[in-house]
Protein backbone atom coordinates (compact mmCIF):
# COMPACT_ATOMS: atom_id res chain seq x y z
CA MET A 1 77.70 115.49 71.37
CA ILE A 2 77.12 116.19 74.95
CA THR A 3 77.19 119.67 76.21
CA VAL A 4 78.19 120.94 79.24
CA LYS A 5 76.29 123.60 80.87
CA LYS A 6 78.85 125.75 82.87
CA GLN A 7 77.72 126.52 86.34
CA VAL A 8 77.29 130.57 87.08
CA ASN A 9 77.87 132.17 90.01
CA MET A 10 74.89 133.65 91.21
CA ALA A 11 75.17 137.28 93.21
CA VAL A 12 74.54 136.80 96.94
CA PRO A 13 73.62 140.05 98.94
CA SER A 14 75.73 140.67 101.69
CA ASN A 15 73.21 140.24 104.11
CA THR A 16 72.10 136.96 103.06
CA VAL A 17 72.12 134.23 105.94
CA PHE A 18 71.53 130.85 104.08
CA ASP A 19 69.54 127.76 106.12
CA CYS A 20 72.50 125.72 105.16
CA ILE A 21 75.86 126.02 103.30
CA VAL A 22 76.92 122.97 101.93
CA LEU A 23 80.61 122.82 100.92
CA GLY A 24 82.00 120.75 98.22
CA ALA A 25 80.17 120.29 94.89
CA GLY A 26 80.96 116.68 94.21
CA ILE A 27 78.16 114.05 93.98
CA GLN A 28 77.54 113.96 97.67
CA GLY A 29 77.71 117.64 98.43
CA SER A 30 75.31 118.05 95.44
CA SER A 31 72.99 115.42 95.95
CA THR A 32 72.61 116.89 99.75
CA ALA A 33 72.27 120.40 98.29
CA TYR A 34 69.29 118.68 96.29
CA HIS A 35 67.56 117.47 99.28
CA LEU A 36 67.89 120.32 100.99
CA ALA A 37 66.47 122.25 98.64
CA LYS A 38 63.59 119.94 98.46
CA ASN A 39 63.04 120.21 102.01
CA HIS A 40 62.31 124.27 100.92
CA LYS A 41 65.90 125.17 102.66
CA LYS A 42 68.05 128.01 101.43
CA THR A 43 71.19 126.50 100.55
CA LEU A 44 74.67 127.54 99.27
CA LEU A 45 76.75 125.01 97.33
CA LEU A 46 80.15 125.81 97.51
CA GLU A 47 83.05 124.65 95.52
CA GLN A 48 86.86 125.28 95.23
CA PHE A 49 87.42 124.18 92.02
CA PRO A 50 85.68 125.69 88.44
CA LEU A 51 82.51 123.07 87.45
CA PRO A 52 83.09 121.08 85.86
CA HIS A 53 86.38 119.73 87.35
CA SER A 54 88.30 116.30 87.32
CA ARG A 55 90.22 117.07 90.56
CA GLY A 56 87.90 114.99 93.10
CA SER A 57 86.03 111.37 93.13
CA SER A 58 82.86 112.47 90.98
CA HIS A 59 84.12 112.99 87.33
CA GLY A 60 84.23 110.68 84.92
CA GLN A 61 81.40 109.12 82.69
CA THR A 62 80.83 105.60 84.70
CA ARG A 63 80.61 103.94 88.13
CA ILE A 64 78.83 100.56 88.78
CA ILE A 65 75.74 100.31 90.93
CA ARG A 66 74.94 96.89 92.44
CA ARG A 67 72.69 95.40 95.28
CA ALA A 68 75.55 92.62 96.18
CA TYR A 69 76.96 94.03 99.21
CA ALA A 70 78.87 91.86 102.08
CA GLU A 71 77.09 94.30 105.10
CA ASP A 72 73.39 94.02 105.20
CA PHE A 73 73.26 97.53 106.04
CA TYR A 74 74.58 99.03 102.70
CA THR A 75 72.27 96.19 100.69
CA ASN A 76 69.25 97.25 103.19
CA MET A 77 70.23 101.04 101.93
CA MET A 78 70.42 100.15 97.87
CA GLU A 79 66.30 99.49 97.50
CA GLU A 80 65.66 103.02 98.12
CA THR A 81 69.24 104.22 96.43
CA TYR A 82 67.69 102.61 93.29
CA GLN A 83 64.32 104.48 93.62
CA LEU A 84 66.10 107.98 94.10
CA TRP A 85 68.04 107.19 90.99
CA ALA A 86 64.66 106.73 89.24
CA GLU A 87 63.29 109.99 90.46
CA LEU A 88 66.19 111.87 89.53
CA GLU A 89 66.01 110.36 85.85
CA LYS A 90 62.10 111.26 85.89
CA GLU A 91 63.07 115.10 87.30
CA SER A 92 65.89 115.59 84.90
CA GLY A 93 64.68 113.52 81.66
CA ILE A 94 67.98 111.82 81.54
CA LYS A 95 68.60 108.28 81.27
CA LEU A 96 71.09 107.82 84.47
CA TYR A 97 71.33 103.85 84.91
CA ARG A 98 71.94 101.01 82.67
CA LYS A 99 70.93 97.37 83.76
CA THR A 100 74.00 95.10 82.86
CA GLY A 101 73.75 92.72 85.49
CA LEU A 102 76.92 91.90 88.08
CA LEU A 103 79.09 89.48 87.69
CA LEU A 104 80.84 88.23 91.28
CA ILE A 105 83.55 85.96 91.13
CA ALA A 106 85.74 84.84 93.99
CA PRO A 107 87.77 81.64 95.65
CA PRO A 108 85.82 78.92 97.30
CA GLY A 109 84.84 79.65 100.61
CA ASN A 110 85.27 83.14 100.43
CA GLU A 111 83.53 84.57 103.19
CA GLU A 112 82.75 88.01 101.53
CA PHE A 113 81.33 86.31 98.62
CA GLU A 114 79.35 83.75 100.90
CA SER A 115 77.94 86.93 102.57
CA MET A 116 76.72 88.86 99.48
CA CYS A 117 74.98 85.74 98.58
CA LYS A 118 73.15 85.16 101.55
CA ILE A 119 72.19 88.54 101.86
CA MET A 120 70.72 88.81 98.54
CA GLU A 121 68.66 85.54 99.11
CA GLU A 122 67.51 86.79 102.33
CA ARG A 123 66.52 89.82 101.16
CA LYS A 124 64.68 88.48 98.18
CA ILE A 125 67.14 89.97 95.59
CA SER A 126 67.06 89.14 92.22
CA TRP A 127 70.03 86.79 91.97
CA GLU A 128 71.59 83.88 90.76
CA PRO A 129 74.43 81.45 91.96
CA LEU A 130 76.02 80.73 88.83
CA THR A 131 78.13 77.05 88.00
CA GLN A 132 81.08 77.39 86.03
CA GLU A 133 79.26 75.71 83.32
CA LYS A 134 76.29 78.69 83.76
CA CYS A 135 78.83 81.20 83.88
CA LYS A 136 80.38 80.20 80.66
CA LEU A 137 77.24 80.09 78.78
CA LYS A 138 76.33 83.83 79.87
CA TYR A 139 79.48 85.23 79.87
CA PRO A 140 81.72 83.29 77.51
CA ASP A 141 84.65 85.56 77.45
CA PHE A 142 85.24 85.35 80.87
CA PHE A 143 87.48 82.50 81.95
CA LEU A 144 87.23 81.46 85.66
CA LYS A 145 89.88 79.10 87.04
CA SER A 146 88.91 75.69 88.46
CA GLY A 147 87.02 75.75 91.68
CA GLU A 148 86.33 79.45 91.55
CA VAL A 149 82.41 80.31 92.39
CA ALA A 150 80.58 83.06 90.78
CA CYS A 151 76.68 84.61 91.14
CA CYS A 152 75.17 87.40 89.15
CA ASP A 153 73.35 90.23 90.68
CA HIS A 154 70.55 91.06 88.13
CA ASP A 155 69.94 94.34 88.85
CA GLY A 156 73.76 95.67 88.77
CA GLY A 157 74.81 98.09 86.31
CA VAL A 158 76.56 101.19 85.21
CA LEU A 159 75.64 104.67 86.33
CA SER A 160 76.32 107.72 83.82
CA ALA A 161 78.75 109.46 86.12
CA ASP A 162 78.84 113.09 84.87
CA LYS A 163 75.40 113.42 83.53
CA ALA A 164 74.11 112.14 86.90
CA LEU A 165 76.26 114.84 88.33
CA ARG A 166 75.16 117.39 86.28
CA ALA A 167 71.40 116.67 86.50
CA VAL A 168 71.44 116.51 90.25
CA GLN A 169 73.12 120.08 90.41
CA GLU A 170 70.75 121.36 87.62
CA GLN A 171 67.66 120.17 89.71
CA PHE A 172 69.21 121.88 92.72
CA GLN A 173 69.04 125.08 90.80
CA LYS A 174 65.96 124.75 89.68
CA MET A 175 64.78 124.85 93.10
CA GLY A 176 66.36 127.82 94.00
CA GLY A 177 69.62 126.63 95.18
CA VAL A 178 72.68 128.71 94.56
CA ILE A 179 75.98 127.41 93.52
CA ARG A 180 79.41 129.16 93.55
CA ASP A 181 82.43 127.54 92.02
CA GLY A 182 86.08 128.79 92.09
CA GLU A 183 85.35 129.48 95.84
CA LYS A 184 88.54 128.03 97.82
CA VAL A 185 87.36 127.88 102.01
CA LYS A 186 89.87 130.11 104.09
CA HIS A 187 88.68 130.06 107.34
CA ILE A 188 85.00 128.61 108.97
CA GLN A 189 83.94 130.21 112.41
CA PRO A 190 81.66 127.94 114.03
CA GLY A 191 79.02 129.30 116.18
CA ARG A 192 75.25 129.49 116.03
CA VAL A 193 75.57 131.19 112.86
CA VAL A 194 78.58 129.37 110.89
CA THR A 195 80.72 132.02 108.75
CA VAL A 196 82.30 130.29 105.92
CA THR A 197 85.30 132.69 104.58
CA THR A 198 86.55 132.01 101.09
CA THR A 199 88.89 133.38 98.58
CA SER A 200 85.85 135.89 97.30
CA GLY A 201 83.67 136.56 100.46
CA CYS A 202 82.10 135.52 103.54
CA PHE A 203 78.83 133.56 104.03
CA GLU A 204 76.60 132.64 106.82
CA ALA A 205 74.43 130.18 107.45
CA GLU A 206 72.45 128.21 110.35
CA LYS A 207 73.84 125.05 108.83
CA LEU A 208 77.09 123.59 107.45
CA VAL A 209 77.49 120.47 105.56
CA ILE A 210 81.35 119.65 104.65
CA THR A 211 81.31 116.87 101.99
CA ALA A 212 84.95 118.22 100.75
CA GLY A 213 86.07 114.81 99.63
CA PRO A 214 89.89 114.18 99.58
CA TRP A 215 90.12 117.69 100.95
CA ALA A 216 88.03 116.60 103.96
CA GLN A 217 90.68 116.55 106.36
CA LYS A 218 92.33 119.76 105.31
CA VAL A 219 89.09 121.31 106.01
CA LEU A 220 88.42 119.61 109.55
CA SER A 221 91.73 120.03 111.15
CA PRO A 222 91.48 123.78 112.03
CA LEU A 223 87.90 122.55 113.46
CA GLY A 224 89.70 120.50 115.84
CA LEU A 225 89.09 117.26 114.19
CA GLU A 226 91.33 114.79 112.96
CA LEU A 227 89.67 111.93 111.19
CA PRO A 228 91.61 108.71 110.64
CA LEU A 229 91.27 109.43 106.68
CA LYS A 230 93.91 108.52 104.11
CA THR A 231 93.77 109.98 100.57
CA LEU A 232 94.59 107.49 97.76
CA ARG A 233 95.59 108.38 94.15
CA ILE A 234 93.72 105.48 92.12
CA ASN A 235 94.66 104.12 88.54
CA VAL A 236 91.39 104.19 86.18
CA CYS A 237 92.83 102.10 83.44
CA TYR A 238 90.85 100.81 79.83
CA TRP A 239 91.71 98.30 77.92
CA LYS A 240 90.51 97.33 74.44
CA GLU A 241 90.51 94.14 72.63
CA LYS A 242 92.97 92.35 70.64
CA ILE A 243 90.65 92.27 67.42
CA PRO A 244 87.77 94.74 68.05
CA GLY A 245 84.68 93.55 67.68
CA ARG A 246 85.72 89.66 67.29
CA SER A 247 84.51 88.05 70.27
CA GLY A 248 81.16 90.08 70.80
CA LEU A 249 82.27 91.10 74.31
CA LEU A 250 81.21 94.70 73.80
CA GLN A 251 77.49 93.71 73.60
CA ASN A 252 78.08 90.82 76.33
CA PHE A 253 80.13 92.95 79.22
CA PRO A 254 78.57 92.95 82.50
CA THR A 255 79.85 95.01 85.40
CA PHE A 256 81.91 92.50 87.57
CA LEU A 257 83.78 92.33 90.77
CA GLY A 258 86.50 89.91 91.23
CA VAL A 259 86.96 89.51 95.02
CA ASN A 260 90.47 87.99 96.66
CA LEU A 261 91.45 86.40 93.49
CA ASN A 262 94.64 84.33 92.95
CA GLY A 263 95.29 84.53 96.89
CA GLU A 264 95.53 88.56 96.90
CA GLU A 265 93.51 90.79 99.38
CA HIS A 266 92.49 93.27 96.31
CA GLU A 267 89.65 93.20 94.55
CA VAL A 268 89.36 94.01 90.94
CA TYR A 269 86.47 95.39 89.39
CA GLY A 270 85.04 96.58 85.46
CA LEU A 271 82.33 97.77 83.49
CA PRO A 272 81.49 98.90 80.02
CA SER A 273 83.34 102.01 79.18
CA GLN A 274 81.47 104.84 77.88
CA GLU A 275 84.57 107.28 78.21
CA TYR A 276 86.45 105.63 75.31
CA PRO A 277 83.95 103.88 72.89
CA GLY A 278 84.99 100.39 72.10
CA LEU A 279 87.23 100.04 75.44
CA PHE A 280 86.58 98.59 78.67
CA LYS A 281 87.16 99.91 82.16
CA ILE A 282 88.81 97.76 84.22
CA CYS A 283 90.42 99.00 87.79
CA PHE A 284 92.43 97.85 91.07
CA HIS A 285 90.14 98.95 93.88
CA GLY A 286 93.01 100.51 95.64
CA GLY A 287 95.55 102.83 95.24
CA ASN A 288 98.61 104.61 97.13
CA GLU A 289 98.71 107.36 99.60
CA ALA A 290 98.77 110.99 97.70
CA ASP A 291 98.14 114.53 98.79
CA PRO A 292 94.96 115.71 96.59
CA GLU A 293 97.05 118.74 95.44
CA GLU A 294 99.79 116.47 94.26
CA ARG A 295 97.49 114.10 92.59
CA GLU A 296 99.46 114.43 88.94
CA LEU A 297 102.62 113.95 90.41
CA GLN A 298 103.37 109.87 90.08
CA ASP A 299 104.84 107.33 92.20
CA LYS A 300 106.00 105.07 89.00
CA PRO A 301 107.25 102.05 91.21
CA ASN A 302 103.61 101.63 92.77
CA GLN A 303 101.95 102.42 89.81
CA ILE A 304 103.84 99.75 87.99
CA GLN A 305 102.70 97.51 90.61
CA ASP A 306 98.97 98.10 90.76
CA ILE A 307 98.53 97.99 86.86
CA GLN A 308 100.84 94.64 87.20
CA ILE A 309 97.82 93.18 88.97
CA LEU A 310 95.51 94.43 86.55
CA CYS A 311 97.58 93.02 83.66
CA ASP A 312 97.62 89.84 85.06
CA PHE A 313 94.16 89.76 86.02
CA VAL A 314 93.13 90.41 82.25
CA SER A 315 95.89 87.76 80.75
CA GLN A 316 93.88 85.49 82.75
CA TYR A 317 90.65 86.16 82.91
CA LEU A 318 89.67 88.12 79.86
CA PRO A 319 92.32 87.09 77.26
CA ASP A 320 90.48 88.72 74.48
CA LEU A 321 91.77 91.54 75.66
CA HIS A 322 95.13 93.30 75.32
CA PRO A 323 97.11 92.64 78.29
CA LYS A 324 98.51 95.96 78.82
CA PRO A 325 95.89 99.09 79.06
CA ALA A 326 95.52 101.91 76.34
CA VAL A 327 94.38 104.58 78.62
CA ILE A 328 95.85 104.96 82.43
CA GLU A 329 93.98 107.99 84.05
CA GLN A 330 93.81 109.01 87.96
CA CYS A 331 90.79 109.11 90.36
CA MET A 332 90.95 109.93 94.26
CA TYR A 333 89.44 107.68 97.22
CA THR A 334 89.02 109.02 100.55
CA ASN A 335 89.20 105.92 102.80
CA THR A 336 88.53 105.12 106.79
CA PRO A 337 90.08 102.01 108.19
CA ASP A 338 87.09 100.03 107.71
CA CYS A 339 86.10 101.13 104.67
CA ASN A 340 82.61 102.57 105.65
CA PHE A 341 81.16 105.87 105.56
CA ILE A 342 81.59 108.77 107.95
CA LEU A 343 77.76 110.44 108.21
CA ASP A 344 77.79 112.26 111.63
CA TYR A 345 77.54 115.80 113.38
CA HIS A 346 80.85 117.57 114.39
CA PRO A 347 81.64 116.24 118.17
CA LEU A 348 81.44 119.79 119.28
CA HIS A 349 79.26 121.78 116.69
CA LYS A 350 76.23 119.99 116.21
CA ASN A 351 75.23 122.46 113.42
CA ILE A 352 78.11 121.14 111.29
CA VAL A 353 77.38 118.12 109.63
CA ILE A 354 80.15 115.87 108.09
CA GLY A 355 79.94 113.37 104.90
CA THR A 356 83.28 112.15 103.91
CA GLY A 357 85.31 108.58 103.76
CA PHE A 358 83.15 107.11 101.52
CA SER A 359 86.44 105.06 100.35
CA GLY A 360 85.58 104.38 96.55
CA HIS A 361 82.03 102.72 96.82
CA GLY A 362 80.07 105.93 97.53
CA PHE A 363 78.68 107.23 94.11
CA LYS A 364 75.95 104.40 93.69
CA LEU A 365 74.95 105.18 97.16
CA SER A 366 74.98 109.33 96.93
CA PRO A 367 71.38 110.17 96.58
CA LEU A 368 70.66 108.31 99.96
CA VAL A 369 73.76 109.57 101.22
CA GLY A 370 72.44 113.22 100.44
CA LYS A 371 69.10 112.71 102.06
CA ILE A 372 70.80 111.38 105.18
CA LEU A 373 72.82 114.51 105.53
CA CYS A 374 70.08 116.48 104.68
CA GLU A 375 68.18 114.82 107.52
CA LEU A 376 70.89 115.50 110.12
CA SER A 377 71.23 119.11 109.26
CA ILE A 378 67.53 120.07 109.43
CA GLY A 379 67.10 117.73 112.40
CA LYS A 380 65.04 115.16 111.28
CA PRO A 381 65.49 111.70 112.22
CA PRO A 382 67.83 109.64 110.10
CA SER A 383 66.10 106.98 107.83
CA TYR A 384 68.50 104.27 108.79
CA ASP A 385 70.58 103.48 111.65
CA LEU A 386 74.00 105.50 111.46
CA LYS A 387 75.81 103.57 113.83
CA PRO A 388 78.18 101.64 111.28
CA PHE A 389 79.04 105.61 110.01
CA SER A 390 79.49 107.57 113.35
CA ILE A 391 82.70 109.13 114.36
CA THR A 392 82.72 107.46 117.34
CA ARG A 393 83.69 104.13 116.23
CA PHE A 394 87.12 105.71 115.97
CA LYS A 395 88.81 106.68 119.12
CA ILE A 396 90.24 109.94 118.09
CA PRO A 397 90.88 113.11 120.21
CA ILE A 398 88.65 116.28 120.00
CA ASN A 399 90.39 119.70 120.26
CA SER A 400 87.98 121.82 121.69
CA SER A 401 90.44 124.39 121.86
CA MET A 402 90.23 125.25 118.21
């Protein structure tokens, strides 16, 4: 049984000016605060909900980690990301990564799949192409269609998400960092010293990092910045075997990603579930637009459509599973138009740093995202080229009167 350690709000003297305030204690904000504390910065991590909670994008027990990406800048970042996860495991004494391999499936000639294979080959990443025969031998419970292509990213696996979030927050506190939860932001006053007013008080810092997840736009709008973000409600589905334990599927189940199968634009992904022992987590990588304050209000027609895509996938590719999900939960994505992150300064306030738009694939990269946001906030040259993550790639107006 895992005991969840409740965060305790620490008293903050009224005259305290922090080096940095991080707004939002999901995995990205917590990782940023952790790196700031490692750099000996007096850091306050603010969270609007009592911790732990399931309102945003960082809850749940499992996430996929992989090296395989169709964009080389993400693949380049994954090398250090794996190292940072290993460092956190060592510091916390908690195992966070389980290697299972990642099975990639796509129709013949799929550009995204071919790009992933090419990049893995060029970067000398451990992987192998799989013929239909090899795939059947390696993963006998997956039924590929004639002509479909597959490969395995050997380092793909499962991250223990809840444990990871708790571990990074605890390490942050051990280094002297302060967490205050249940502190909803009411106002941000930019300036040489940024003032953040919450439901409980006012806090000041020389730098502010905003990692507010689905609430990012609500926080940024009063600062004159309208980013092209969409918040999506995602159905997280869990499936059980028709005959529990008979197929051996549980012992040989990789993480997997199906790209543009059945002539559709969507992706389907799956992984062994830790949330519900004996079940399998298989999800549609997409969802329907929803206000994060109203995430529990279901849009039944759209929900049924998304789940039907998954039912069809399971019936065709994993017939030893029940064709209907046993459990359905919700999560939130915060998407950009190109599904790439935003890691940048506020255009008008250079002591305000923004990390948002993680588009449903940011958790695995969070240790490195936290390092990069830390670098931006303390004035270090970023470790990576941030052009793919810049705000200026979007043609958006900036309201300087705010």
